Amino acid sequence: MKNIIWSLILVFSSVSVCKAQKVFSVEYENQADVKVFVVDYENQADLKVYKVKYENQAGQNNGKWFFTKYANQAKKKIYFVKYENQADLKIFFVEYENQAEWKNKSKQHLMY
């Protein structure tokens, strides 16, 4: 019984690792999973994003993004739109890691 419990714990912890926010910015809108608009002020954002330097620092849908070099390395492909009304998700880039967070949790499903 203990082996089964430990196996389940191991499986669920590996699933959460798969949700790391590795993103790739595509060139064309039709290639994207999510269309993103960068707002000017943080109070306009659905998500405050912090760009991490290394892949292993990427968060688990908490706003810590790592931009990959290749599309097949990313969990989500995003396209930056020109106008706010075209976006699925509005983001604001923050300076510090501890500022990254969801402001509109109803849109959180977009990045799973």
N, C-alpha and C. Protein backbone atom coordinates (compact mmCIF):
# COMPACT_ATOMS: atom_id res chain seq x y z
N MET A 1 0.82 -1.19 0.00
CA MET A 1 0.00 0.00 0.00
C MET A 1 0.87 1.27 0.00
N LYS A 2 1.94 1.24 0.79
CA LYS A 2 2.84 2.40 0.84
C LYS A 2 3.47 2.65 -0.52
N ASN A 3 3.79 1.56 -1.23
CA ASN A 3 4.38 1.71 -2.56
C ASN A 3 3.43 2.39 -3.52
N ILE A 4 2.16 2.08 -3.43
CA ILE A 4 1.15 2.70 -4.30
C ILE A 4 1.05 4.19 -3.99
N ILE A 5 1.02 4.54 -2.72
CA ILE A 5 0.93 5.94 -2.34
C ILE A 5 2.16 6.71 -2.84
N TRP A 6 3.34 6.15 -2.65
CA TRP A 6 4.56 6.82 -3.12
C TRP A 6 4.57 6.93 -4.64
N SER A 7 4.05 5.94 -5.32
CA SER A 7 3.97 5.99 -6.78
C SER A 7 3.05 7.12 -7.23
N LEU A 8 1.91 7.25 -6.55
CA LEU A 8 0.98 8.33 -6.89
C LEU A 8 1.59 9.71 -6.63
N ILE A 9 2.28 9.83 -5.53
CA ILE A 9 2.94 11.10 -5.22
C ILE A 9 3.97 11.44 -6.30
N LEU A 10 4.74 10.46 -6.71
CA LEU A 10 5.74 10.66 -7.76
C LEU A 10 5.10 11.07 -9.08
N VAL A 11 4.00 10.43 -9.44
CA VAL A 11 3.31 10.75 -10.69
C VAL A 11 2.77 12.18 -10.65
N PHE A 12 2.10 12.55 -9.55
CA PHE A 12 1.54 13.89 -9.47
C PHE A 12 2.60 14.97 -9.41
N SER A 13 3.74 14.69 -8.80
CA SER A 13 4.79 15.70 -8.81
C SER A 13 5.42 15.86 -10.18
N SER A 14 5.51 14.81 -10.95
CA SER A 14 6.06 14.94 -12.29
C SER A 14 5.08 15.66 -13.21
N VAL A 15 3.78 15.50 -12.97
CA VAL A 15 2.77 16.21 -13.76
C VAL A 15 2.88 17.70 -13.53
N SER A 16 3.09 18.12 -12.30
CA SER A 16 3.20 19.55 -12.02
C SER A 16 4.44 20.15 -12.68
N VAL A 17 5.49 19.39 -12.85
CA VAL A 17 6.69 19.88 -13.54
C VAL A 17 6.38 20.14 -15.01
N CYS A 18 5.49 19.37 -15.60
CA CYS A 18 5.13 19.54 -17.00
C CYS A 18 4.41 20.86 -17.25
N LYS A 19 3.90 21.48 -16.21
CA LYS A 19 3.15 22.72 -16.37
C LYS A 19 4.05 23.94 -16.30
N ALA A 20 5.33 23.75 -16.38
CA ALA A 20 6.25 24.87 -16.33
C ALA A 20 5.95 25.83 -17.47
N GLN A 21 6.12 27.10 -17.21
CA GLN A 21 5.77 28.11 -18.19
C GLN A 21 6.92 28.39 -19.15
N LYS A 22 7.13 27.44 -20.02
CA LYS A 22 8.10 27.63 -21.09
C LYS A 22 7.29 28.07 -22.30
N VAL A 23 7.60 29.25 -22.81
CA VAL A 23 6.84 29.82 -23.90
C VAL A 23 7.74 30.10 -25.11
N PHE A 24 7.10 30.14 -26.26
CA PHE A 24 7.79 30.48 -27.49
C PHE A 24 6.95 31.52 -28.22
N SER A 25 7.57 32.57 -28.66
CA SER A 25 6.88 33.63 -29.37
C SER A 25 6.90 33.33 -30.87
N VAL A 26 5.71 33.08 -31.44
CA VAL A 26 5.60 32.72 -32.85
C VAL A 26 5.46 33.97 -33.72
N GLU A 27 5.70 33.80 -35.00
CA GLU A 27 5.65 34.93 -35.94
C GLU A 27 4.25 35.23 -36.45
N TYR A 28 3.40 34.20 -36.48
CA TYR A 28 2.07 34.37 -37.07
C TYR A 28 0.99 33.98 -36.08
N GLU A 29 -0.08 34.73 -36.08
CA GLU A 29 -1.19 34.54 -35.15
C GLU A 29 -1.77 33.13 -35.18
N ASN A 30 -1.88 32.55 -36.38
CA ASN A 30 -2.49 31.22 -36.49
C ASN A 30 -1.62 30.09 -35.93
N GLN A 31 -0.38 30.39 -35.58
CA GLN A 31 0.52 29.39 -34.98
C GLN A 31 0.40 29.37 -33.45
N ALA A 32 -0.29 30.34 -32.88
CA ALA A 32 -0.29 30.53 -31.43
C ALA A 32 -1.37 29.74 -30.71
N ASP A 33 -1.03 29.35 -29.48
CA ASP A 33 -2.02 28.78 -28.57
C ASP A 33 -2.76 29.92 -27.86
N VAL A 34 -2.03 30.99 -27.57
CA VAL A 34 -2.58 32.12 -26.83
C VAL A 34 -2.11 33.42 -27.46
N LYS A 35 -3.06 34.35 -27.67
CA LYS A 35 -2.72 35.68 -28.17
C LYS A 35 -2.57 36.61 -26.96
N VAL A 36 -1.44 37.33 -26.94
CA VAL A 36 -1.05 38.12 -25.77
C VAL A 36 -0.89 39.58 -26.15
N PHE A 37 -1.32 40.46 -25.25
CA PHE A 37 -1.10 41.89 -25.42
C PHE A 37 -0.38 42.41 -24.17
N VAL A 38 0.65 43.20 -24.37
CA VAL A 38 1.41 43.78 -23.26
C VAL A 38 0.81 45.15 -22.94
N VAL A 39 0.29 45.28 -21.73
CA VAL A 39 -0.34 46.53 -21.30
C VAL A 39 0.71 47.48 -20.72
N ASP A 40 0.34 48.75 -20.62
CA ASP A 40 1.26 49.78 -20.12
C ASP A 40 1.32 49.84 -18.60
N TYR A 41 0.23 49.44 -17.95
CA TYR A 41 0.16 49.55 -16.50
C TYR A 41 -0.24 48.21 -15.89
N GLU A 42 0.36 47.88 -14.75
CA GLU A 42 0.13 46.56 -14.16
C GLU A 42 -1.31 46.34 -13.73
N ASN A 43 -2.06 47.40 -13.39
CA ASN A 43 -3.45 47.21 -12.98
C ASN A 43 -4.37 46.86 -14.15
N GLN A 44 -3.86 46.92 -15.39
CA GLN A 44 -4.64 46.54 -16.57
C GLN A 44 -4.43 45.07 -16.94
N ALA A 45 -3.48 44.42 -16.30
CA ALA A 45 -3.05 43.08 -16.70
C ALA A 45 -3.88 41.97 -16.06
N ASP A 46 -4.00 40.87 -16.82
CA ASP A 46 -4.56 39.64 -16.27
C ASP A 46 -3.46 38.88 -15.54
N LEU A 47 -2.24 39.02 -16.04
CA LEU A 47 -1.10 38.30 -15.49
C LEU A 47 0.12 39.20 -15.48
N LYS A 48 0.80 39.23 -14.34
CA LYS A 48 2.08 39.95 -14.25
C LYS A 48 3.17 38.91 -14.47
N VAL A 49 4.02 39.15 -15.47
CA VAL A 49 5.01 38.18 -15.92
C VAL A 49 6.42 38.63 -15.58
N TYR A 50 7.20 37.67 -15.09
CA TYR A 50 8.63 37.89 -14.88
C TYR A 50 9.38 36.93 -15.80
N LYS A 51 10.29 37.48 -16.61
CA LYS A 51 11.09 36.65 -17.52
C LYS A 51 12.29 36.09 -16.76
N VAL A 52 12.34 34.77 -16.64
CA VAL A 52 13.48 34.14 -15.95
C VAL A 52 14.60 33.88 -16.96
N LYS A 53 15.82 33.76 -16.46
CA LYS A 53 16.98 33.58 -17.33
C LYS A 53 17.22 32.13 -17.72
N TYR A 54 16.82 31.22 -16.83
CA TYR A 54 17.12 29.81 -17.07
C TYR A 54 15.85 28.97 -17.04
N GLU A 55 15.85 27.93 -17.85
CA GLU A 55 14.69 27.05 -18.00
C GLU A 55 14.22 26.46 -16.67
N ASN A 56 15.15 26.08 -15.82
CA ASN A 56 14.76 25.46 -14.55
C ASN A 56 14.15 26.44 -13.55
N GLN A 57 14.14 27.74 -13.88
CA GLN A 57 13.52 28.74 -13.01
C GLN A 57 12.08 29.02 -13.40
N ALA A 58 11.64 28.44 -14.50
CA ALA A 58 10.28 28.69 -14.99
C ALA A 58 9.27 28.21 -13.96
N GLY A 59 8.22 29.00 -13.79
CA GLY A 59 7.20 28.69 -12.80
C GLY A 59 6.18 27.70 -13.31
N GLN A 60 5.26 27.37 -12.44
CA GLN A 60 4.19 26.44 -12.77
C GLN A 60 2.88 27.21 -12.87
N ASN A 61 2.73 27.93 -13.96
CA ASN A 61 1.57 28.79 -14.22
C ASN A 61 1.42 29.86 -13.15
N ASN A 62 2.53 30.47 -12.79
CA ASN A 62 2.49 31.53 -11.79
C ASN A 62 3.10 32.84 -12.30
N GLY A 63 3.32 32.93 -13.61
CA GLY A 63 3.83 34.17 -14.19
C GLY A 63 5.33 34.22 -14.40
N LYS A 64 6.03 33.15 -14.08
CA LYS A 64 7.48 33.11 -14.32
C LYS A 64 7.69 32.37 -15.63
N TRP A 65 8.05 33.14 -16.66
CA TRP A 65 8.16 32.60 -18.01
C TRP A 65 9.60 32.47 -18.44
N PHE A 66 9.87 31.36 -19.16
CA PHE A 66 11.15 31.18 -19.83
C PHE A 66 10.85 31.11 -21.32
N PHE A 67 11.50 31.98 -22.10
CA PHE A 67 11.29 32.00 -23.55
C PHE A 67 12.29 31.02 -24.19
N THR A 68 11.76 30.00 -24.85
CA THR A 68 12.59 28.98 -25.48
C THR A 68 13.09 29.44 -26.84
N LYS A 69 14.14 28.79 -27.33
CA LYS A 69 14.67 29.10 -28.66
C LYS A 69 13.85 28.46 -29.77
N TYR A 70 13.22 27.33 -29.45
CA TYR A 70 12.48 26.57 -30.46
C TYR A 70 11.07 26.27 -29.98
N ALA A 71 10.13 26.26 -30.90
CA ALA A 71 8.72 26.05 -30.58
C ALA A 71 8.46 24.71 -29.91
N ASN A 72 9.18 23.67 -30.34
CA ASN A 72 8.92 22.34 -29.78
C ASN A 72 9.41 22.18 -28.34
N GLN A 73 10.14 23.15 -27.83
CA GLN A 73 10.61 23.11 -26.44
C GLN A 73 9.61 23.77 -25.49
N ALA A 74 8.65 24.48 -26.04
CA ALA A 74 7.73 25.28 -25.23
C ALA A 74 6.46 24.52 -24.88
N LYS A 75 5.91 24.87 -23.73
CA LYS A 75 4.61 24.35 -23.32
C LYS A 75 3.50 25.12 -24.05
N LYS A 76 3.70 26.43 -24.24
CA LYS A 76 2.72 27.27 -24.93
C LYS A 76 3.40 28.14 -25.97
N LYS A 77 2.72 28.28 -27.11
CA LYS A 77 3.18 29.20 -28.15
C LYS A 77 2.31 30.45 -28.06
N ILE A 78 2.97 31.60 -27.99
CA ILE A 78 2.22 32.85 -27.85
C ILE A 78 2.50 33.76 -29.04
N TYR A 79 1.52 34.61 -29.30
CA TYR A 79 1.66 35.62 -30.35
C TYR A 79 1.32 36.97 -29.73
N PHE A 80 2.20 37.94 -29.90
CA PHE A 80 1.97 39.28 -29.38
C PHE A 80 1.15 40.08 -30.38
N VAL A 81 -0.07 40.43 -30.00
CA VAL A 81 -0.97 41.18 -30.88
C VAL A 81 -0.73 42.68 -30.72
N LYS A 82 -1.18 43.45 -31.71
CA LYS A 82 -0.97 44.90 -31.70
C LYS A 82 -2.02 45.65 -30.89
N TYR A 83 -3.22 45.07 -30.80
CA TYR A 83 -4.31 45.76 -30.13
C TYR A 83 -4.89 44.92 -29.00
N GLU A 84 -5.25 45.58 -27.92
CA GLU A 84 -5.75 44.92 -26.72
C GLU A 84 -6.96 44.04 -26.98
N ASN A 85 -7.87 44.50 -27.84
CA ASN A 85 -9.10 43.74 -28.09
C ASN A 85 -8.88 42.46 -28.89
N GLN A 86 -7.68 42.25 -29.41
CA GLN A 86 -7.35 41.01 -30.14
C GLN A 86 -6.81 39.93 -29.21
N ALA A 87 -6.51 40.29 -27.97
CA ALA A 87 -5.79 39.40 -27.07
C ALA A 87 -6.71 38.46 -26.28
N ASP A 88 -6.18 37.26 -26.03
CA ASP A 88 -6.82 36.34 -25.10
C ASP A 88 -6.37 36.68 -23.68
N LEU A 89 -5.13 37.19 -23.58
CA LEU A 89 -4.51 37.43 -22.29
C LEU A 89 -3.74 38.74 -22.32
N LYS A 90 -3.94 39.57 -21.28
CA LYS A 90 -3.19 40.82 -21.16
C LYS A 90 -2.13 40.63 -20.08
N ILE A 91 -0.88 40.96 -20.44
CA ILE A 91 0.22 40.78 -19.49
C ILE A 91 0.95 42.09 -19.25
N PHE A 92 1.67 42.11 -18.14
CA PHE A 92 2.54 43.23 -17.81
C PHE A 92 3.85 42.62 -17.31
N PHE A 93 4.97 43.03 -17.89
CA PHE A 93 6.27 42.51 -17.48
C PHE A 93 6.74 43.26 -16.23
N VAL A 94 7.09 42.50 -15.19
CA VAL A 94 7.55 43.09 -13.93
C VAL A 94 9.06 42.95 -13.80
N GLU A 95 9.63 43.76 -12.93
CA GLU A 95 11.08 43.78 -12.74
C GLU A 95 11.59 42.70 -11.81
N TYR A 96 10.76 42.31 -10.85
CA TYR A 96 11.22 41.39 -9.81
C TYR A 96 10.38 40.12 -9.80
N GLU A 97 11.02 39.01 -9.54
CA GLU A 97 10.40 37.69 -9.55
C GLU A 97 9.20 37.60 -8.61
N ASN A 98 9.30 38.20 -7.44
CA ASN A 98 8.21 38.08 -6.46
C ASN A 98 6.97 38.89 -6.83
N GLN A 99 7.03 39.66 -7.90
CA GLN A 99 5.87 40.42 -8.36
C GLN A 99 5.02 39.63 -9.35
N ALA A 100 5.53 38.52 -9.85
CA ALA A 100 4.80 37.72 -10.84
C ALA A 100 3.60 37.07 -10.18
N GLU A 101 2.41 37.24 -10.79
CA GLU A 101 1.19 36.63 -10.25
C GLU A 101 0.01 36.85 -11.19
N TRP A 102 -1.00 36.03 -10.99
CA TRP A 102 -2.25 36.19 -11.71
C TRP A 102 -3.10 37.26 -11.03
N LYS A 103 -3.61 38.19 -11.82
CA LYS A 103 -4.53 39.20 -11.31
C LYS A 103 -5.97 38.81 -11.67
N ASN A 104 -6.12 38.10 -12.78
CA ASN A 104 -7.44 37.65 -13.22
C ASN A 104 -7.39 36.12 -13.33
N LYS A 105 -7.73 35.44 -12.26
CA LYS A 105 -7.59 33.98 -12.21
C LYS A 105 -8.54 33.26 -13.16
N SER A 106 -9.55 33.94 -13.67
CA SER A 106 -10.47 33.30 -14.62
C SER A 106 -9.79 33.00 -15.96
N LYS A 107 -8.65 33.62 -16.20
CA LYS A 107 -7.90 33.38 -17.44
C LYS A 107 -6.74 32.40 -17.25
N GLN A 108 -6.58 31.90 -16.05
CA GLN A 108 -5.46 31.02 -15.71
C GLN A 108 -5.44 29.76 -16.58
N HIS A 109 -6.60 29.30 -16.99
CA HIS A 109 -6.68 28.07 -17.81
C HIS A 109 -5.97 28.22 -19.16
N LEU A 110 -5.81 29.43 -19.63
CA LEU A 110 -5.17 29.66 -20.93
C LEU A 110 -3.73 29.16 -20.98
N MET A 111 -3.07 29.17 -19.82
CA MET A 111 -1.66 28.80 -19.79
C MET A 111 -1.40 27.38 -19.30
N TYR A 112 -2.47 26.59 -19.10
CA TYR A 112 -2.27 25.17 -18.73
C TYR A 112 -2.08 24.35 -19.96
